[in-house]
Amino acid sequence: MSKTYVKHKVCTECLSPSIIDADCICVYSRNYPTVELEFEHCSCCGNTSDEYADTEFNEAQLKKLEDAE
């Protein structure tokens, strides 16, 4: 199985390209804050994970997000 990483701009609350929580700000707000994160993408089936990958890029992005709070 061949995996790659794809980057998506995702909501800073749910941190997922999918709607995980129906009450999340990204469901009802057009201008919600976003962060770019990497997600595992399967080259065979085309599936992209709903949870962000454990990568250095994501660690840096999440650290910036945490520092901004």
N, C-alpha and C. Protein backbone atom coordinates (compact mmCIF):
# COMPACT_ATOMS: atom_id res chain seq x y z
N MET A 1 0.85 -1.17 0.00
CA MET A 1 0.00 0.00 0.00
C MET A 1 0.89 1.24 0.00
N SER A 2 0.69 2.11 -0.94
CA SER A 2 1.50 3.30 -1.09
C SER A 2 0.77 4.52 -0.53
N LYS A 3 1.39 5.17 0.45
CA LYS A 3 0.78 6.35 1.05
C LYS A 3 1.63 7.58 0.77
N THR A 4 0.95 8.69 0.58
CA THR A 4 1.59 9.98 0.44
C THR A 4 0.90 10.92 1.41
N TYR A 5 1.40 12.13 1.52
CA TYR A 5 0.77 13.14 2.35
C TYR A 5 0.20 14.22 1.45
N VAL A 6 -1.02 14.63 1.76
CA VAL A 6 -1.65 15.75 1.06
C VAL A 6 -1.96 16.82 2.10
N LYS A 7 -1.86 18.07 1.69
CA LYS A 7 -2.13 19.19 2.59
C LYS A 7 -3.54 19.71 2.34
N HIS A 8 -4.23 19.99 3.43
CA HIS A 8 -5.57 20.56 3.37
C HIS A 8 -5.64 21.71 4.36
N LYS A 9 -6.36 22.76 4.01
CA LYS A 9 -6.68 23.81 4.97
C LYS A 9 -7.93 23.34 5.70
N VAL A 10 -7.81 23.23 7.01
CA VAL A 10 -8.91 22.70 7.82
C VAL A 10 -9.25 23.66 8.95
N CYS A 11 -10.43 23.48 9.48
CA CYS A 11 -10.91 24.29 10.60
C CYS A 11 -10.00 24.10 11.81
N THR A 12 -9.70 25.18 12.52
CA THR A 12 -8.84 25.09 13.69
C THR A 12 -9.52 24.43 14.88
N GLU A 13 -10.81 24.21 14.80
CA GLU A 13 -11.52 23.55 15.89
C GLU A 13 -11.53 22.04 15.71
N CYS A 14 -11.94 21.55 14.53
CA CYS A 14 -12.05 20.10 14.35
C CYS A 14 -10.80 19.47 13.73
N LEU A 15 -9.95 20.28 13.10
CA LEU A 15 -8.68 19.81 12.54
C LEU A 15 -8.84 18.62 11.59
N SER A 16 -9.90 18.63 10.79
CA SER A 16 -10.17 17.53 9.89
C SER A 16 -10.78 18.05 8.60
N PRO A 17 -10.50 17.38 7.47
CA PRO A 17 -11.14 17.77 6.21
C PRO A 17 -12.60 17.32 6.15
N SER A 18 -13.02 16.48 7.08
CA SER A 18 -14.41 16.01 7.16
C SER A 18 -15.10 16.69 8.32
N ILE A 19 -16.41 16.74 8.26
CA ILE A 19 -17.17 17.30 9.38
C ILE A 19 -17.26 16.23 10.46
N ILE A 20 -16.54 16.43 11.54
CA ILE A 20 -16.52 15.47 12.64
C ILE A 20 -17.61 15.81 13.65
N ASP A 21 -17.79 17.08 13.91
CA ASP A 21 -18.74 17.54 14.92
C ASP A 21 -19.75 18.46 14.26
N ALA A 22 -21.01 18.07 14.28
CA ALA A 22 -22.07 18.87 13.64
C ALA A 22 -22.23 20.25 14.27
N ASP A 23 -21.70 20.44 15.48
CA ASP A 23 -21.78 21.73 16.16
C ASP A 23 -20.51 22.57 16.00
N CYS A 24 -19.56 22.09 15.21
CA CYS A 24 -18.30 22.81 15.02
C CYS A 24 -18.53 24.13 14.29
N ILE A 25 -17.67 25.09 14.53
CA ILE A 25 -17.79 26.42 13.91
C ILE A 25 -17.76 26.36 12.38
N CYS A 26 -17.08 25.37 11.81
CA CYS A 26 -16.97 25.30 10.36
C CYS A 26 -18.29 24.91 9.71
N VAL A 27 -19.23 24.39 10.48
CA VAL A 27 -20.53 24.00 9.94
C VAL A 27 -21.42 25.22 9.73
N TYR A 28 -21.32 26.19 10.61
CA TYR A 28 -22.24 27.33 10.54
C TYR A 28 -21.59 28.68 10.26
N SER A 29 -20.29 28.74 10.13
CA SER A 29 -19.61 30.01 9.87
C SER A 29 -18.83 29.95 8.56
N ARG A 30 -18.99 30.97 7.75
CA ARG A 30 -18.28 31.01 6.46
C ARG A 30 -16.81 31.40 6.61
N ASN A 31 -16.51 32.23 7.57
CA ASN A 31 -15.14 32.75 7.71
C ASN A 31 -14.44 32.18 8.94
N TYR A 32 -14.57 30.88 9.13
CA TYR A 32 -13.93 30.24 10.28
C TYR A 32 -12.42 30.21 10.09
N PRO A 33 -11.66 30.23 11.19
CA PRO A 33 -10.19 30.17 11.09
C PRO A 33 -9.73 28.80 10.61
N THR A 34 -8.66 28.79 9.81
CA THR A 34 -8.13 27.53 9.27
C THR A 34 -6.64 27.40 9.55
N VAL A 35 -6.18 26.17 9.39
CA VAL A 35 -4.76 25.85 9.49
C VAL A 35 -4.48 24.80 8.43
N GLU A 36 -3.30 24.84 7.83
CA GLU A 36 -2.94 23.84 6.83
C GLU A 36 -2.24 22.68 7.51
N LEU A 37 -2.75 21.47 7.28
CA LEU A 37 -2.18 20.26 7.87
C LEU A 37 -2.02 19.18 6.81
N GLU A 38 -1.15 18.21 7.09
CA GLU A 38 -0.94 17.08 6.19
C GLU A 38 -1.76 15.88 6.65
N PHE A 39 -2.32 15.16 5.66
CA PHE A 39 -3.13 13.98 5.92
C PHE A 39 -2.61 12.85 5.05
N GLU A 40 -2.64 11.62 5.59
CA GLU A 40 -2.22 10.46 4.80
C GLU A 40 -3.23 10.20 3.69
N HIS A 41 -2.69 9.96 2.50
CA HIS A 41 -3.53 9.68 1.33
C HIS A 41 -3.05 8.38 0.71
N CYS A 42 -3.96 7.43 0.54
CA CYS A 42 -3.63 6.13 -0.05
C CYS A 42 -3.63 6.25 -1.57
N SER A 43 -2.50 5.96 -2.19
CA SER A 43 -2.40 6.05 -3.64
C SER A 43 -3.20 4.95 -4.35
N CYS A 44 -3.45 3.85 -3.64
CA CYS A 44 -4.18 2.74 -4.26
C CYS A 44 -5.68 2.99 -4.34
N CYS A 45 -6.29 3.34 -3.20
CA CYS A 45 -7.75 3.48 -3.17
C CYS A 45 -8.22 4.93 -3.23
N GLY A 46 -7.30 5.88 -3.04
CA GLY A 46 -7.66 7.30 -3.10
C GLY A 46 -8.24 7.84 -1.80
N ASN A 47 -8.25 7.04 -0.74
CA ASN A 47 -8.80 7.47 0.53
C ASN A 47 -7.82 8.41 1.25
N THR A 48 -8.37 9.46 1.85
CA THR A 48 -7.58 10.38 2.67
C THR A 48 -8.08 10.28 4.09
N SER A 49 -7.16 10.16 5.03
CA SER A 49 -7.51 10.02 6.43
C SER A 49 -8.26 11.25 6.94
N ASP A 50 -9.17 11.04 7.90
CA ASP A 50 -9.88 12.14 8.54
C ASP A 50 -9.06 12.78 9.66
N GLU A 51 -8.02 12.07 10.12
CA GLU A 51 -7.17 12.57 11.19
C GLU A 51 -5.82 12.99 10.61
N TYR A 52 -5.30 14.11 11.09
CA TYR A 52 -4.03 14.59 10.58
C TYR A 52 -2.90 13.62 10.90
N ALA A 53 -1.89 13.61 10.05
CA ALA A 53 -0.76 12.70 10.18
C ALA A 53 0.20 13.18 11.26
N ASP A 54 0.99 12.26 11.76
CA ASP A 54 2.01 12.58 12.76
C ASP A 54 3.30 12.94 12.01
N THR A 55 3.39 14.21 11.58
CA THR A 55 4.54 14.67 10.81
C THR A 55 5.14 15.91 11.47
N GLU A 56 6.38 16.20 11.11
CA GLU A 56 7.04 17.41 11.62
C GLU A 56 6.31 18.67 11.17
N PHE A 57 5.82 18.65 9.92
CA PHE A 57 5.08 19.81 9.40
C PHE A 57 3.86 20.10 10.29
N ASN A 58 3.10 19.05 10.61
CA ASN A 58 1.92 19.24 11.44
C ASN A 58 2.27 19.68 12.85
N GLU A 59 3.33 19.13 13.40
CA GLU A 59 3.76 19.55 14.74
C GLU A 59 4.06 21.05 14.75
N ALA A 60 4.74 21.53 13.73
CA ALA A 60 5.07 22.96 13.64
C ALA A 60 3.80 23.80 13.48
N GLN A 61 2.88 23.34 12.64
CA GLN A 61 1.64 24.08 12.42
C GLN A 61 0.81 24.15 13.70
N LEU A 62 0.70 23.03 14.42
CA LEU A 62 -0.07 23.00 15.65
C LEU A 62 0.58 23.83 16.75
N LYS A 63 1.91 23.86 16.75
CA LYS A 63 2.63 24.70 17.72
C LYS A 63 2.33 26.18 17.47
N LYS A 64 2.33 26.59 16.19
CA LYS A 64 1.99 27.98 15.84
C LYS A 64 0.57 28.31 16.28
N LEU A 65 -0.33 27.38 16.06
CA LEU A 65 -1.72 27.57 16.43
C LEU A 65 -1.87 27.71 17.94
N GLU A 66 -1.16 26.87 18.67
CA GLU A 66 -1.18 26.91 20.14
C GLU A 66 -0.59 28.21 20.66
N ASP A 67 0.50 28.67 20.05
CA ASP A 67 1.16 29.91 20.47
C ASP A 67 0.29 31.14 20.20
N ALA A 68 -0.57 31.06 19.20
CA ALA A 68 -1.42 32.18 18.84
C ALA A 68 -2.58 32.38 19.82
N GLU A 69 -2.86 31.35 20.61
CA GLU A 69 -4.00 31.44 21.54
C GLU A 69 -3.68 32.26 22.74
